[in-house]
Amino acid sequence: MEKTDDDPLKEMMLNHGAVFTTYHGKQAVDLRETLKRWIAVWFDGHTYIIEGQRLSDGESEDMAYNLINLLGYFDRKYLRK
């Protein structure tokens, strides 16, 4: 279990993976696809690791739904303009 002191995004990427894409010849994190991957963690029957500790099933469920809301926000705010 990786714990990074000051970067929760980096911690999630280390513990639960990230999806990368090539944009203008450079690799970058595809935030939308990465969020989908993180949402799938709970729906596949696993729990999340935050700040070096594994969350309970209920906490992981809350986290999954928060990630769904975040994905919806990005879709509304940035992708459907």
C-alpha atoms as a PDB file:
ATOM      1  CA  MET A   1       0.000   0.000   0.000  1.00  0.00           C
ATOM      2  CA  GLU A   2       1.512   3.257  -1.157  1.00  0.00           C
ATOM      3  CA  LYS A   3       1.003   6.376   0.924  1.00  0.00           C
ATOM      4  CA  THR A   4       2.018   9.764  -0.376  1.00  0.00           C
ATOM      5  CA  ASP A   5       1.966  12.504   2.215  1.00  0.00           C
ATOM      6  CA  ASP A   6       0.592  15.370   0.176  1.00  0.00           C
ATOM      7  CA  ASP A   7      -0.875  14.157  -3.102  1.00  0.00           C
ATOM      8  CA  PRO A   8      -4.110  12.121  -2.953  1.00  0.00           C
ATOM      9  CA  LEU A   9      -4.338  11.943  -6.754  1.00  0.00           C
ATOM     10  CA  LYS A  10      -0.871  10.394  -6.986  1.00  0.00           C
ATOM     11  CA  GLU A  11      -1.764   7.979  -4.177  1.00  0.00           C
ATOM     12  CA  MET A  12      -4.900   6.818  -6.018  1.00  0.00           C
ATOM     13  CA  MET A  13      -2.877   6.372  -9.198  1.00  0.00           C
ATOM     14  CA  LEU A  14      -0.237   4.291  -7.391  1.00  0.00           C
ATOM     15  CA  ASN A  15      -2.773   2.114  -5.572  1.00  0.00           C
ATOM     16  CA  HIS A  16      -5.517   1.749  -8.178  1.00  0.00           C
ATOM     17  CA  GLY A  17      -3.832   2.517 -11.489  1.00  0.00           C
ATOM     18  CA  ALA A  18      -4.364   5.146 -14.130  1.00  0.00           C
ATOM     19  CA  VAL A  19      -5.163   5.241 -17.833  1.00  0.00           C
ATOM     20  CA  PHE A  20      -2.654   7.073 -19.993  1.00  0.00           C
ATOM     21  CA  THR A  21      -3.118   8.525 -23.451  1.00  0.00           C
ATOM     22  CA  THR A  22      -0.799  10.165 -25.940  1.00  0.00           C
ATOM     23  CA  TYR A  23      -1.626  13.785 -26.654  1.00  0.00           C
ATOM     24  CA  HIS A  24       0.512  15.673 -29.177  1.00  0.00           C
ATOM     25  CA  GLY A  25       3.294  13.119 -28.779  1.00  0.00           C
ATOM     26  CA  LYS A  26       3.355  13.273 -24.965  1.00  0.00           C
ATOM     27  CA  GLN A  27       1.884  10.826 -22.490  1.00  0.00           C
ATOM     28  CA  ALA A  28      -0.731  12.195 -20.109  1.00  0.00           C
ATOM     29  CA  VAL A  29      -3.296  10.793 -17.704  1.00  0.00           C
ATOM     30  CA  ASP A  30      -6.726  10.420 -19.285  1.00  0.00           C
ATOM     31  CA  LEU A  31      -8.724  11.706 -16.318  1.00  0.00           C
ATOM     32  CA  ARG A  32     -12.122  10.537 -17.550  1.00  0.00           C
ATOM     33  CA  GLU A  33     -10.980   6.964 -18.246  1.00  0.00           C
ATOM     34  CA  THR A  34      -8.991   6.889 -14.999  1.00  0.00           C
ATOM     35  CA  LEU A  35     -12.104   7.899 -13.031  1.00  0.00           C
ATOM     36  CA  LYS A  36     -14.032   5.083 -14.723  1.00  0.00           C
ATOM     37  CA  ARG A  37     -11.288   2.650 -13.719  1.00  0.00           C
ATOM     38  CA  TRP A  38     -11.407   3.851 -10.112  1.00  0.00           C
ATOM     39  CA  ILE A  39     -15.205   3.577 -10.027  1.00  0.00           C
ATOM     40  CA  ALA A  40     -14.935  -0.018 -11.250  1.00  0.00           C
ATOM     41  CA  VAL A  41     -12.771  -0.925  -8.225  1.00  0.00           C
ATOM     42  CA  TRP A  42     -15.768  -0.967  -5.895  1.00  0.00           C
ATOM     43  CA  PHE A  43     -18.214  -2.426  -8.432  1.00  0.00           C
ATOM     44  CA  ASP A  44     -15.760  -5.311  -8.976  1.00  0.00           C
ATOM     45  CA  GLY A  45     -16.032  -6.140  -5.271  1.00  0.00           C
ATOM     46  CA  HIS A  46     -12.848  -4.478  -4.006  1.00  0.00           C
ATOM     47  CA  THR A  47     -12.239  -1.664  -1.543  1.00  0.00           C
ATOM     48  CA  TYR A  48     -10.172   1.500  -1.856  1.00  0.00           C
ATOM     49  CA  ILE A  49      -6.887   2.349  -0.171  1.00  0.00           C
ATOM     50  CA  ILE A  50      -6.642   5.943   1.057  1.00  0.00           C
ATOM     51  CA  GLU A  51      -3.811   7.403   3.143  1.00  0.00           C
ATOM     52  CA  GLY A  52      -2.267   3.946   3.420  1.00  0.00           C
ATOM     53  CA  GLN A  53      -5.374   2.347   4.938  1.00  0.00           C
ATOM     54  CA  ARG A  54      -7.969   0.124   3.327  1.00  0.00           C
ATOM     55  CA  LEU A  55     -11.473   1.592   3.568  1.00  0.00           C
ATOM     56  CA  SER A  56     -14.420  -0.474   4.789  1.00  0.00           C
ATOM     57  CA  ASP A  57     -16.998  -1.673   2.282  1.00  0.00           C
ATOM     58  CA  GLY A  58     -19.401   1.129   3.257  1.00  0.00           C
ATOM     59  CA  GLU A  59     -16.695   3.788   2.995  1.00  0.00           C
ATOM     60  CA  SER A  60     -15.632   2.361  -0.367  1.00  0.00           C
ATOM     61  CA  GLU A  61     -19.227   2.497  -1.572  1.00  0.00           C
ATOM     62  CA  ASP A  62     -19.395   6.182  -0.610  1.00  0.00           C
ATOM     63  CA  MET A  63     -16.093   6.772  -2.385  1.00  0.00           C
ATOM     64  CA  ALA A  64     -17.361   5.065  -5.564  1.00  0.00           C
ATOM     65  CA  TYR A  65     -20.485   7.214  -5.658  1.00  0.00           C
ATOM     66  CA  ASN A  66     -18.427  10.354  -5.022  1.00  0.00           C
ATOM     67  CA  LEU A  67     -16.230   9.393  -7.977  1.00  0.00           C
ATOM     68  CA  ILE A  68     -19.359   8.894 -10.108  1.00  0.00           C
ATOM     69  CA  ASN A  69     -20.516  12.391  -9.147  1.00  0.00           C
ATOM     70  CA  LEU A  70     -17.073  13.781  -9.994  1.00  0.00           C
ATOM     71  CA  LEU A  71     -17.171  12.069 -13.394  1.00  0.00           C
ATOM     72  CA  GLY A  72     -20.643  13.536 -14.005  1.00  0.00           C
ATOM     73  CA  TYR A  73     -19.365  16.981 -13.048  1.00  0.00           C
ATOM     74  CA  PHE A  74     -16.493  16.738 -15.538  1.00  0.00           C
ATOM     75  CA  ASP A  75     -18.877  15.547 -18.243  1.00  0.00           C
ATOM     76  CA  ARG A  76     -21.256  18.447 -17.668  1.00  0.00           C
ATOM     77  CA  LYS A  77     -18.632  21.124 -17.125  1.00  0.00           C
ATOM     78  CA  TYR A  78     -15.977  20.318 -19.704  1.00  0.00           C
ATOM     79  CA  LEU A  79     -17.065  17.698 -22.220  1.00  0.00           C
ATOM     80  CA  ARG A  80     -20.522  18.882 -23.220  1.00  0.00           C
ATOM     81  CA  LYS A  81     -19.850  22.538 -23.934  1.00  0.00           C
END
